[in-house]
């Protein structure tokens, strides 16, 4: 799969592919992992523009307060909830 996006988006999406099935990260944790700890909003925007969901598992990223945040894939937040449940993540 050839990914198309900005350099920053590609960096975020590449990291998302490393999150193991059944695990979650927060937007802040993703920002820190890509060495851009102050770019939490930019990370959220890049994740929101992910056209490759669920192959690039943006559904595994949630807000720091434990809420789900958004989901750019088909079906929106309901699909995110279902995907996480299928992976055994209980929120």
PDB file of N, CA and C in Angstrom:
ATOM      1  N   UNK A   1       0.850  -1.178   0.000  1.00  0.00           N
ATOM      2  CA  UNK A   1       0.000   0.000   0.000  1.00  0.00           C
ATOM      3  C   UNK A   1       0.894   1.238   0.000  1.00  0.00           C
ATOM      4  N   UNK A   2       0.682   2.092  -0.962  1.00  0.00           N
ATOM      5  CA  UNK A   2       1.413   3.355  -1.034  1.00  0.00           C
ATOM      6  C   UNK A   2       0.553   4.428  -0.368  1.00  0.00           C
ATOM      7  N   UNK A   3       1.092   4.992   0.703  1.00  0.00           N
ATOM      8  CA  UNK A   3       0.350   6.003   1.452  1.00  0.00           C
ATOM      9  C   UNK A   3       0.587   7.379   0.858  1.00  0.00           C
ATOM     10  N   UNK A   4      -0.480   8.152   0.811  1.00  0.00           N
ATOM     11  CA  UNK A   4      -0.386   9.527   0.344  1.00  0.00           C
ATOM     12  C   UNK A   4      -0.862  10.457   1.443  1.00  0.00           C
ATOM     13  N   UNK A   5      -0.017  11.413   1.788  1.00  0.00           N
ATOM     14  CA  UNK A   5      -0.334  12.388   2.818  1.00  0.00           C
ATOM     15  C   UNK A   5       0.866  13.287   3.003  1.00  0.00           C
ATOM     16  N   UNK A   6       0.767  14.221   3.945  1.00  0.00           N
ATOM     17  CA  UNK A   6       1.906  15.084   4.237  1.00  0.00           C
ATOM     18  C   UNK A   6       2.962  14.273   4.983  1.00  0.00           C
ATOM     19  N   UNK A   7       4.155  14.821   5.061  1.00  0.00           N
ATOM     20  CA  UNK A   7       5.233  14.155   5.781  1.00  0.00           C
ATOM     21  C   UNK A   7       4.824  13.881   7.235  1.00  0.00           C
ATOM     22  N   UNK A   8       4.189  14.868   7.850  1.00  0.00           N
ATOM     23  CA  UNK A   8       3.741  14.711   9.240  1.00  0.00           C
ATOM     24  C   UNK A   8       2.667  13.635   9.353  1.00  0.00           C
ATOM     25  N   UNK A   9       1.677  13.668   8.468  1.00  0.00           N
ATOM     26  CA  UNK A   9       0.621  12.647   8.489  1.00  0.00           C
ATOM     27  C   UNK A   9       1.219  11.253   8.341  1.00  0.00           C
ATOM     28  N   UNK A  10       2.140  11.101   7.419  1.00  0.00           N
ATOM     29  CA  UNK A  10       2.759   9.794   7.191  1.00  0.00           C
ATOM     30  C   UNK A  10       3.496   9.307   8.436  1.00  0.00           C
ATOM     31  N   UNK A  11       4.144  10.232   9.136  1.00  0.00           N
ATOM     32  CA  UNK A  11       4.849   9.878  10.377  1.00  0.00           C
ATOM     33  C   UNK A  11       3.859   9.378  11.433  1.00  0.00           C
ATOM     34  N   UNK A  12       2.745  10.085  11.569  1.00  0.00           N
ATOM     35  CA  UNK A  12       1.707   9.688  12.532  1.00  0.00           C
ATOM     36  C   UNK A  12       1.121   8.345  12.131  1.00  0.00           C
ATOM     37  N   UNK A  13       0.749   8.190  10.875  1.00  0.00           N
ATOM     38  CA  UNK A  13       0.125   6.945  10.421  1.00  0.00           C
ATOM     39  C   UNK A  13       1.064   5.758  10.554  1.00  0.00           C
ATOM     40  N   UNK A  14       2.344   5.986  10.300  1.00  0.00           N
ATOM     41  CA  UNK A  14       3.334   4.909  10.455  1.00  0.00           C
ATOM     42  C   UNK A  14       3.365   4.450  11.907  1.00  0.00           C
ATOM     43  N   UNK A  15       3.323   5.411  12.830  1.00  0.00           N
ATOM     44  CA  UNK A  15       3.312   5.037  14.249  1.00  0.00           C
ATOM     45  C   UNK A  15       2.045   4.257  14.599  1.00  0.00           C
ATOM     46  N   UNK A  16       0.904   4.680  14.072  1.00  0.00           N
ATOM     47  CA  UNK A  16      -0.351   3.999  14.394  1.00  0.00           C
ATOM     48  C   UNK A  16      -0.280   2.509  14.057  1.00  0.00           C
ATOM     49  N   UNK A  17       0.437   2.174  13.001  1.00  0.00           N
ATOM     50  CA  UNK A  17       0.553   0.776  12.592  1.00  0.00           C
ATOM     51  C   UNK A  17       1.339  -0.054  13.600  1.00  0.00           C
ATOM     52  N   UNK A  18       2.063   0.598  14.527  1.00  0.00           N
ATOM     53  CA  UNK A  18       2.838  -0.130  15.533  1.00  0.00           C
ATOM     54  C   UNK A  18       2.035  -0.416  16.800  1.00  0.00           C
ATOM     55  N   UNK A  19       0.854   0.174  16.926  1.00  0.00           N
ATOM     56  CA  UNK A  19       0.031  -0.058  18.123  1.00  0.00           C
ATOM     57  C   UNK A  19      -0.572  -1.459  18.001  1.00  0.00           C
ATOM     58  N   UNK A  20      -0.239  -2.345  18.935  1.00  0.00           N
ATOM     59  CA  UNK A  20      -0.735  -3.722  18.840  1.00  0.00           C
ATOM     60  C   UNK A  20      -2.259  -3.821  18.971  1.00  0.00           C
ATOM     61  N   UNK A  21      -2.824  -4.808  18.309  1.00  0.00           N
ATOM     62  CA  UNK A  21      -4.252  -5.072  18.412  1.00  0.00           C
ATOM     63  C   UNK A  21      -4.603  -5.275  19.884  1.00  0.00           C
ATOM     64  N   UNK A  22      -5.715  -4.683  20.302  1.00  0.00           N
ATOM     65  CA  UNK A  22      -6.157  -4.818  21.684  1.00  0.00           C
ATOM     66  C   UNK A  22      -5.553  -3.796  22.634  1.00  0.00           C
ATOM     67  N   UNK A  23      -4.719  -2.913  22.112  1.00  0.00           N
ATOM     68  CA  UNK A  23      -4.134  -1.864  22.940  1.00  0.00           C
ATOM     69  C   UNK A  23      -4.561  -0.501  22.414  1.00  0.00           C
ATOM     70  N   UNK A  24      -4.526   0.480  23.299  1.00  0.00           N
ATOM     71  CA  UNK A  24      -4.882   1.842  22.910  1.00  0.00           C
ATOM     72  C   UNK A  24      -3.777   2.795  23.334  1.00  0.00           C
ATOM     73  N   UNK A  25      -3.776   3.949  22.703  1.00  0.00           N
ATOM     74  CA  UNK A  25      -2.882   5.054  23.050  1.00  0.00           C
ATOM     75  C   UNK A  25      -3.726   6.322  23.052  1.00  0.00           C
ATOM     76  N   UNK A  26      -3.220   7.329  23.737  1.00  0.00           N
ATOM     77  CA  UNK A  26      -3.889   8.630  23.688  1.00  0.00           C
ATOM     78  C   UNK A  26      -3.219   9.471  22.605  1.00  0.00           C
ATOM     79  N   UNK A  27      -3.908  10.529  22.193  1.00  0.00           N
ATOM     80  CA  UNK A  27      -3.336  11.447  21.209  1.00  0.00           C
ATOM     81  C   UNK A  27      -2.011  12.001  21.737  1.00  0.00           C
ATOM     82  N   UNK A  28      -1.952  12.290  23.028  1.00  0.00           N
ATOM     83  CA  UNK A  28      -0.743  12.809  23.650  1.00  0.00           C
ATOM     84  C   UNK A  28       0.389  11.781  23.590  1.00  0.00           C
ATOM     85  N   UNK A  29       0.083  10.525  23.850  1.00  0.00           N
ATOM     86  CA  UNK A  29       1.105   9.473  23.777  1.00  0.00           C
ATOM     87  C   UNK A  29       1.645   9.323  22.352  1.00  0.00           C
ATOM     88  N   UNK A  30       0.774   9.453  21.380  1.00  0.00           N
ATOM     89  CA  UNK A  30       1.212   9.385  19.980  1.00  0.00           C
ATOM     90  C   UNK A  30       2.155  10.550  19.685  1.00  0.00           C
ATOM     91  N   UNK A  31       1.778  11.746  20.126  1.00  0.00           N
ATOM     92  CA  UNK A  31       2.622  12.928  19.899  1.00  0.00           C
ATOM     93  C   UNK A  31       4.008  12.731  20.511  1.00  0.00           C
ATOM     94  N   UNK A  32       4.058  12.219  21.728  1.00  0.00           N
ATOM     95  CA  UNK A  32       5.346  11.972  22.381  1.00  0.00           C
ATOM     96  C   UNK A  32       6.137  10.893  21.639  1.00  0.00           C
ATOM     97  N   UNK A  33       5.459   9.856  21.184  1.00  0.00           N
ATOM     98  CA  UNK A  33       6.125   8.743  20.503  1.00  0.00           C
ATOM     99  C   UNK A  33       6.785   9.166  19.195  1.00  0.00           C
ATOM    100  N   UNK A  34       6.201  10.158  18.531  1.00  0.00           N
ATOM    101  CA  UNK A  34       6.796  10.622  17.265  1.00  0.00           C
ATOM    102  C   UNK A  34       7.724  11.823  17.502  1.00  0.00           C
ATOM    103  N   UNK A  35       8.048  12.059  18.767  1.00  0.00           N
ATOM    104  CA  UNK A  35       8.995  13.126  19.156  1.00  0.00           C
ATOM    105  C   UNK A  35       8.469  14.536  18.891  1.00  0.00           C
ATOM    106  N   UNK A  36       7.141  14.693  18.972  1.00  0.00           N
ATOM    107  CA  UNK A  36       6.505  16.002  18.815  1.00  0.00           C
ATOM    108  C   UNK A  36       5.502  16.196  19.967  1.00  0.00           C
ATOM    109  N   UNK A  37       6.006  16.216  21.220  1.00  0.00           N
ATOM    110  CA  UNK A  37       5.113  16.212  22.379  1.00  0.00           C
ATOM    111  C   UNK A  37       4.121  17.367  22.469  1.00  0.00           C
ATOM    112  N   UNK A  38       4.408  18.480  21.816  1.00  0.00           N
ATOM    113  CA  UNK A  38       3.498  19.627  21.864  1.00  0.00           C
ATOM    114  C   UNK A  38       2.521  19.646  20.690  1.00  0.00           C
ATOM    115  N   UNK A  39       2.602  18.654  19.834  1.00  0.00           N
ATOM    116  CA  UNK A  39       1.787  18.632  18.616  1.00  0.00           C
ATOM    117  C   UNK A  39       0.549  17.745  18.754  1.00  0.00           C
ATOM    118  N   UNK A  40      -0.053  17.738  19.923  1.00  0.00           N
ATOM    119  CA  UNK A  40      -1.198  16.857  20.173  1.00  0.00           C
ATOM    120  C   UNK A  40      -2.355  17.168  19.212  1.00  0.00           C
ATOM    121  N   UNK A  41      -2.659  18.433  19.023  1.00  0.00           N
ATOM    122  CA  UNK A  41      -3.757  18.793  18.095  1.00  0.00           C
ATOM    123  C   UNK A  41      -3.416  18.419  16.656  1.00  0.00           C
ATOM    124  N   UNK A  42      -2.176  18.617  16.271  1.00  0.00           N
ATOM    125  CA  UNK A  42      -1.755  18.254  14.911  1.00  0.00           C
ATOM    126  C   UNK A  42      -1.844  16.741  14.719  1.00  0.00           C
ATOM    127  N   UNK A  43      -1.486  15.995  15.755  1.00  0.00           N
ATOM    128  CA  UNK A  43      -1.615  14.536  15.705  1.00  0.00           C
ATOM    129  C   UNK A  43      -3.084  14.159  15.528  1.00  0.00           C
ATOM    130  N   UNK A  44      -3.948  14.771  16.322  1.00  0.00           N
ATOM    131  CA  UNK A  44      -5.392  14.485  16.214  1.00  0.00           C
ATOM    132  C   UNK A  44      -5.907  14.815  14.810  1.00  0.00           C
ATOM    133  N   UNK A  45      -5.444  15.923  14.245  1.00  0.00           N
ATOM    134  CA  UNK A  45      -5.861  16.295  12.881  1.00  0.00           C
ATOM    135  C   UNK A  45      -5.363  15.281  11.860  1.00  0.00           C
ATOM    136  N   UNK A  46      -4.115  14.839  12.005  1.00  0.00           N
ATOM    137  CA  UNK A  46      -3.562  13.848  11.076  1.00  0.00           C
ATOM    138  C   UNK A  46      -4.332  12.536  11.174  1.00  0.00           C
ATOM    139  N   UNK A  47      -4.662  12.142  12.395  1.00  0.00           N
ATOM    140  CA  UNK A  47      -5.425  10.906  12.585  1.00  0.00           C
ATOM    141  C   UNK A  47      -6.814  11.067  11.987  1.00  0.00           C
ATOM    142  N   UNK A  48      -7.416  12.230  12.151  1.00  0.00           N
ATOM    143  CA  UNK A  48      -8.740  12.494  11.597  1.00  0.00           C
ATOM    144  C   UNK A  48      -8.771  12.498  10.076  1.00  0.00           C
ATOM    145  N   UNK A  49      -7.618  12.680   9.458  1.00  0.00           N
ATOM    146  CA  UNK A  49      -7.542  12.688   7.998  1.00  0.00           C
ATOM    147  C   UNK A  49      -7.080  11.346   7.429  1.00  0.00           C
ATOM    148  N   UNK A  50      -6.968  10.336   8.274  1.00  0.00           N
ATOM    149  CA  UNK A  50      -6.517   9.017   7.848  1.00  0.00           C
ATOM    150  C   UNK A  50      -7.536   8.384   6.897  1.00  0.00           C
ATOM    151  N   UNK A  51      -7.205   8.271   5.606  1.00  0.00           N
ATOM    152  CA  UNK A  51      -8.145   7.674   4.655  1.00  0.00           C
ATOM    153  C   UNK A  51      -8.002   6.154   4.575  1.00  0.00           C
ATOM    154  N   UNK A  52      -7.113   5.587   5.381  1.00  0.00           N
ATOM    155  CA  UNK A  52      -6.809   4.167   5.289  1.00  0.00           C
ATOM    156  C   UNK A  52      -7.368   3.345   6.454  1.00  0.00           C
ATOM    157  N   UNK A  53      -8.297   3.915   7.201  1.00  0.00           N
ATOM    158  CA  UNK A  53      -8.896   3.199   8.330  1.00  0.00           C
ATOM    159  C   UNK A  53      -9.746   2.039   7.799  1.00  0.00           C
ATOM    160  N   UNK A  54      -9.773   0.913   8.448  1.00  0.00           N
ATOM    161  CA  UNK A  54      -9.039   0.533   9.657  1.00  0.00           C
ATOM    162  C   UNK A  54      -7.684  -0.124   9.398  1.00  0.00           C
ATOM    163  N   UNK A  55      -7.217  -0.173   8.128  1.00  0.00           N
ATOM    164  CA  UNK A  55      -5.889  -0.766   7.875  1.00  0.00           C
ATOM    165  C   UNK A  55      -4.809  -0.042   8.664  1.00  0.00           C
ATOM    166  N   UNK A  56      -4.895   1.275   8.717  1.00  0.00           N
ATOM    167  CA  UNK A  56      -4.060   2.030   9.641  1.00  0.00           C
ATOM    168  C   UNK A  56      -4.977   2.298  10.829  1.00  0.00           C
ATOM    169  N   UNK A  57      -4.703   1.616  11.944  1.00  0.00           N
ATOM    170  CA  UNK A  57      -5.657   1.538  13.052  1.00  0.00           C
ATOM    171  C   UNK A  57      -5.789   2.783  13.922  1.00  0.00           C
ATOM    172  N   UNK A  58      -6.363   3.823  13.350  1.00  0.00           N
ATOM    173  CA  UNK A  58      -6.574   5.049  14.119  1.00  0.00           C
ATOM    174  C   UNK A  58      -7.625   4.847  15.210  1.00  0.00           C
ATOM    175  N   UNK A  59      -8.405   3.767  15.106  1.00  0.00           N
ATOM    176  CA  UNK A  59      -9.414   3.501  16.135  1.00  0.00           C
ATOM    177  C   UNK A  59      -8.772   3.167  17.486  1.00  0.00           C
ATOM    178  N   UNK A  60      -7.487   2.904  17.509  1.00  0.00           N
ATOM    179  CA  UNK A  60      -6.783   2.569  18.757  1.00  0.00           C
ATOM    180  C   UNK A  60      -6.278   3.794  19.504  1.00  0.00           C
ATOM    181  N   UNK A  61      -6.669   4.985  19.040  1.00  0.00           N
ATOM    182  CA  UNK A  61      -6.238   6.225  19.698  1.00  0.00           C
ATOM    183  C   UNK A  61      -7.458   6.905  20.306  1.00  0.00           C
ATOM    184  N   UNK A  62      -7.341   7.225  21.596  1.00  0.00           N
ATOM    185  CA  UNK A  62      -8.443   7.851  22.329  1.00  0.00           C
ATOM    186  C   UNK A  62      -7.947   9.129  23.014  1.00  0.00           C
ATOM    187  N   UNK A  63      -8.878   9.849  23.592  1.00  0.00           N
ATOM    188  CA  UNK A  63      -8.536  11.075  24.323  1.00  0.00           C
ATOM    189  C   UNK A  63      -7.952  10.738  25.689  1.00  0.00           C
ATOM    190  N   UNK A  64      -7.210  11.666  26.247  1.00  0.00           N
ATOM    191  CA  UNK A  64      -6.584  11.471  27.556  1.00  0.00           C
ATOM    192  C   UNK A  64      -7.600  11.260  28.671  1.00  0.00           C
ATOM    193  N   UNK A  65      -8.801  11.778  28.496  1.00  0.00           N
ATOM    194  CA  UNK A  65      -9.829  11.616  29.535  1.00  0.00           C
ATOM    195  C   UNK A  65     -10.550  10.270  29.429  1.00  0.00           C
ATOM    196  N   UNK A  66     -10.126   9.442  28.480  1.00  0.00           N
ATOM    197  CA  UNK A  66     -10.727   8.116  28.321  1.00  0.00           C
ATOM    198  C   UNK A  66     -11.876   8.066  27.338  1.00  0.00           C
ATOM    199  N   UNK A  67     -12.329   9.226  26.852  1.00  0.00           N
ATOM    200  CA  UNK A  67     -13.403   9.213  25.864  1.00  0.00           C
ATOM    201  C   UNK A  67     -12.828   8.843  24.500  1.00  0.00           C
ATOM    202  N   UNK A  68     -13.681   8.431  23.603  1.00  0.00           N
ATOM    203  CA  UNK A  68     -13.223   7.883  22.333  1.00  0.00           C
ATOM    204  C   UNK A  68     -12.656   8.897  21.351  1.00  0.00           C
ATOM    205  N   UNK A  69     -13.088  10.127  21.411  1.00  0.00           N
ATOM    206  CA  UNK A  69     -12.665  11.093  20.402  1.00  0.00           C
ATOM    207  C   UNK A  69     -13.457  10.829  19.131  1.00  0.00           C
ATOM    208  N   UNK A  70     -12.857  11.018  17.986  1.00  0.00           N
ATOM    209  CA  UNK A  70     -13.563  10.812  16.723  1.00  0.00           C
ATOM    210  C   UNK A  70     -13.073   9.583  15.999  1.00  0.00           C
ATOM    211  N   UNK A  71     -13.635   9.354  14.816  1.00  0.00           N
ATOM    212  CA  UNK A  71     -13.196   8.257  13.952  1.00  0.00           C
ATOM    213  C   UNK A  71     -13.506   8.628  12.519  1.00  0.00           C
ATOM    214  N   UNK A  72     -12.463   8.628  11.685  1.00  0.00           N
ATOM    215  CA  UNK A  72     -12.615   9.071  10.301  1.00  0.00           C
ATOM    216  C   UNK A  72     -13.122   7.969   9.375  1.00  0.00           C
ATOM    217  N   UNK A  73     -13.122   6.749   9.845  1.00  0.00           N
ATOM    218  CA  UNK A  73     -13.558   5.638   9.004  1.00  0.00           C
ATOM    219  C   UNK A  73     -15.067   5.595   8.836  1.00  0.00           C
ATOM    220  N   UNK A  74     -15.510   4.725   7.949  1.00  0.00           N
ATOM    221  CA  UNK A  74     -16.939   4.567   7.670  1.00  0.00           C
ATOM    222  C   UNK A  74     -17.680   4.175   8.956  1.00  0.00           C
ATOM    223  N   UNK A  75     -18.784   4.842   9.199  1.00  0.00           N
ATOM    224  CA  UNK A  75     -19.592   4.541  10.376  1.00  0.00           C
ATOM    225  C   UNK A  75     -19.250   5.368  11.597  1.00  0.00           C
ATOM    226  N   UNK A  76     -18.181   6.153  11.502  1.00  0.00           N
ATOM    227  CA  UNK A  76     -17.827   7.059  12.583  1.00  0.00           C
ATOM    228  C   UNK A  76     -17.565   6.395  13.911  1.00  0.00           C
ATOM    229  N   UNK A  77     -17.949   7.073  14.975  1.00  0.00           N
ATOM    230  CA  UNK A  77     -17.639   6.657  16.341  1.00  0.00           C
ATOM    231  C   UNK A  77     -18.227   5.290  16.693  1.00  0.00           C
ATOM    232  N   UNK A  78     -19.383   4.950  16.121  1.00  0.00           N
ATOM    233  CA  UNK A  78     -19.961   3.635  16.400  1.00  0.00           C
ATOM    234  C   UNK A  78     -19.067   2.521  15.884  1.00  0.00           C
ATOM    235  N   UNK A  79     -18.464   2.731  14.734  1.00  0.00           N
ATOM    236  CA  UNK A  79     -17.532   1.745  14.183  1.00  0.00           C
ATOM    237  C   UNK A  79     -16.279   1.657  15.053  1.00  0.00           C
ATOM    238  N   UNK A  80     -15.796   2.801  15.522  1.00  0.00           N
ATOM    239  CA  UNK A  80     -14.620   2.803  16.399  1.00  0.00           C
ATOM    240  C   UNK A  80     -14.907   1.968  17.644  1.00  0.00           C
ATOM    241  N   UNK A  81     -16.054   2.183  18.239  1.00  0.00           N
ATOM    242  CA  UNK A  81     -16.442   1.444  19.437  1.00  0.00           C
ATOM    243  C   UNK A  81     -16.484  -0.064  19.149  1.00  0.00           C
ATOM    244  N   UNK A  82     -17.084  -0.447  18.011  1.00  0.00           N
ATOM    245  CA  UNK A  82     -17.192  -1.866  17.636  1.00  0.00           C
ATOM    246  C   UNK A  82     -15.822  -2.489  17.392  1.00  0.00           C
ATOM    247  N   UNK A  83     -14.944  -1.763  16.681  1.00  0.00           N
ATOM    248  CA  UNK A  83     -13.605  -2.282  16.410  1.00  0.00           C
ATOM    249  C   UNK A  83     -12.827  -2.518  17.700  1.00  0.00           C
ATOM    250  N   UNK A  84     -12.908  -1.572  18.616  1.00  0.00           N
ATOM    251  CA  UNK A  84     -12.213  -1.727  19.896  1.00  0.00           C
ATOM    252  C   UNK A  84     -12.775  -2.898  20.685  1.00  0.00           C
ATOM    253  N   UNK A  85     -14.087  -3.045  20.670  1.00  0.00           N
ATOM    254  CA  UNK A  85     -14.721  -4.172  21.370  1.00  0.00           C
ATOM    255  C   UNK A  85     -14.277  -5.506  20.778  1.00  0.00           C
ATOM    256  N   UNK A  86     -14.202  -5.573  19.441  1.00  0.00           N
ATOM    257  CA  UNK A  86     -13.731  -6.801  18.782  1.00  0.00           C
ATOM    258  C   UNK A  86     -12.296  -7.148  19.164  1.00  0.00           C
ATOM    259  N   UNK A  87     -11.510  -6.140  19.473  1.00  0.00           N
ATOM    260  CA  UNK A  87     -10.132  -6.352  19.878  1.00  0.00           C
ATOM    261  C   UNK A  87      -9.995  -6.592  21.379  1.00  0.00           C
ATOM    262  N   UNK A  88     -11.114  -6.578  22.091  1.00  0.00           N
ATOM    263  CA  UNK A  88     -11.097  -6.838  23.526  1.00  0.00           C
ATOM    264  C   UNK A  88     -10.831  -5.630  24.389  1.00  0.00           C
ATOM    265  N   UNK A  89     -10.931  -4.446  23.819  1.00  0.00           N
ATOM    266  CA  UNK A  89     -10.716  -3.215  24.588  1.00  0.00           C
ATOM    267  C   UNK A  89     -12.049  -2.807  25.183  1.00  0.00           C
ATOM    268  N   UNK A  90     -12.081  -2.735  26.509  1.00  0.00           N
ATOM    269  CA  UNK A  90     -13.303  -2.329  27.199  1.00  0.00           C
ATOM    270  C   UNK A  90     -13.125  -0.915  27.725  1.00  0.00           C
ATOM    271  N   UNK A  91     -14.000  -0.027  27.306  1.00  0.00           N
ATOM    272  CA  UNK A  91     -13.925   1.373  27.743  1.00  0.00           C
ATOM    273  C   UNK A  91     -15.114   1.750  28.580  1.00  0.00           C
TER     274      UNK A  91
END
